[in-house]
Amino acid sequence: MLPSLAMFAKAARAEGIDGLVLEGPAAAAIAGRHAWLGGLIAAVDPAGGAGRFRLAGAELRARLLPVAVPAPALALLSAS
């Protein structure tokens, strides 16, 4: 998944893409969704956080989208 995220970050700048939605695992609780998103960000940028992290030279934000449990977690990665 990390090469695909790096490609997104590069294309976002060049193409004016506003964001990317990622589907995560189904989680029995909201805490599990936060753990998934935190783990994803840590794998990409250990110094980053959901507020801001760097990927392929681009600064991105991540946030969980509201969906009902136990549906899969959805995260929005955006350049703005």
Protein backbone atom coordinates (compact mmCIF):
# COMPACT_ATOMS: atom_id res chain seq x y z
CA MET A 1 0.00 0.00 0.00
CA LEU A 2 2.86 2.42 0.72
CA PRO A 3 3.99 2.68 -2.94
CA SER A 4 0.39 3.48 -3.91
CA LEU A 5 0.22 6.20 -1.26
CA ALA A 6 3.50 7.69 -2.47
CA MET A 7 2.13 7.74 -6.03
CA PHE A 8 -0.99 9.51 -4.75
CA ALA A 9 1.05 12.19 -3.02
CA LYS A 10 3.04 12.89 -6.18
CA ALA A 11 -0.04 12.89 -8.41
CA ALA A 12 -2.00 15.09 -6.00
CA ARG A 13 0.43 17.94 -6.56
CA ALA A 14 0.64 17.49 -10.32
CA GLU A 15 -3.05 16.84 -10.99
CA GLY A 16 -4.71 18.97 -8.33
CA ILE A 17 -6.24 15.92 -6.61
CA ASP A 18 -7.91 17.00 -3.37
CA GLY A 19 -7.96 13.70 -1.51
CA LEU A 20 -8.00 9.94 -1.38
CA VAL A 21 -10.33 7.70 0.65
CA LEU A 22 -8.82 4.51 2.05
CA GLU A 23 -10.85 1.59 3.32
CA GLY A 24 -9.50 0.00 6.46
CA PRO A 25 -10.52 -3.04 8.42
CA ALA A 26 -13.86 -3.42 10.14
CA ALA A 27 -13.38 -2.52 13.77
CA ALA A 28 -15.59 -3.39 16.69
CA ALA A 29 -14.93 -0.01 18.28
CA ILE A 30 -13.92 3.49 17.29
CA ALA A 31 -10.61 3.02 19.16
CA GLY A 32 -9.68 0.26 16.69
CA ARG A 33 -10.20 2.64 13.79
CA HIS A 34 -7.95 5.25 15.39
CA ALA A 35 -5.30 2.58 15.97
CA TRP A 36 -5.48 1.53 12.30
CA LEU A 37 -5.10 5.11 11.07
CA GLY A 38 -2.30 5.81 13.54
CA GLY A 39 -0.44 2.69 12.42
CA LEU A 40 -0.80 3.65 8.77
CA ILE A 41 0.59 7.13 9.41
CA ALA A 42 3.43 5.78 11.55
CA ALA A 43 4.45 3.45 8.71
CA VAL A 44 4.54 6.37 6.28
CA ASP A 45 6.04 9.07 8.53
CA PRO A 46 7.09 8.04 12.06
CA ALA A 47 7.40 11.71 13.05
CA GLY A 48 3.96 12.60 11.72
CA GLY A 49 0.49 12.54 13.16
CA ALA A 50 -3.07 12.64 11.85
CA GLY A 51 -2.98 16.43 11.84
CA ARG A 52 -0.02 16.56 9.48
CA PHE A 53 2.38 14.01 8.03
CA ARG A 54 4.76 13.89 5.08
CA LEU A 55 4.65 11.45 2.18
CA ALA A 56 6.81 11.67 -0.94
CA GLY A 57 7.66 15.28 -0.14
CA ALA A 58 4.03 16.32 0.26
CA GLU A 59 2.39 17.41 3.49
CA LEU A 60 -0.91 15.60 4.01
CA ARG A 61 -3.70 15.40 6.59
CA ALA A 62 -5.66 12.32 7.57
CA ARG A 63 -9.02 11.97 9.26
CA LEU A 64 -11.49 9.20 9.85
CA LEU A 65 -14.81 9.55 8.07
CA PRO A 66 -17.94 8.86 10.10
CA VAL A 67 -19.35 5.41 9.32
CA ALA A 68 -21.36 3.05 11.47
CA VAL A 69 -19.56 0.31 13.38
CA PRO A 70 -18.89 -2.51 12.32
CA ALA A 71 -18.54 -1.21 8.75
CA PRO A 72 -14.95 -0.87 7.55
CA ALA A 73 -13.10 2.22 8.67
CA LEU A 74 -12.73 4.96 6.05
CA ALA A 75 -9.94 7.53 6.15
CA LEU A 76 -9.58 10.63 4.03
CA LEU A 77 -6.04 11.66 3.13
CA SER A 78 -5.92 15.16 1.74
CA ALA A 79 -3.36 17.71 0.72
CA SER A 80 -5.31 20.58 2.25
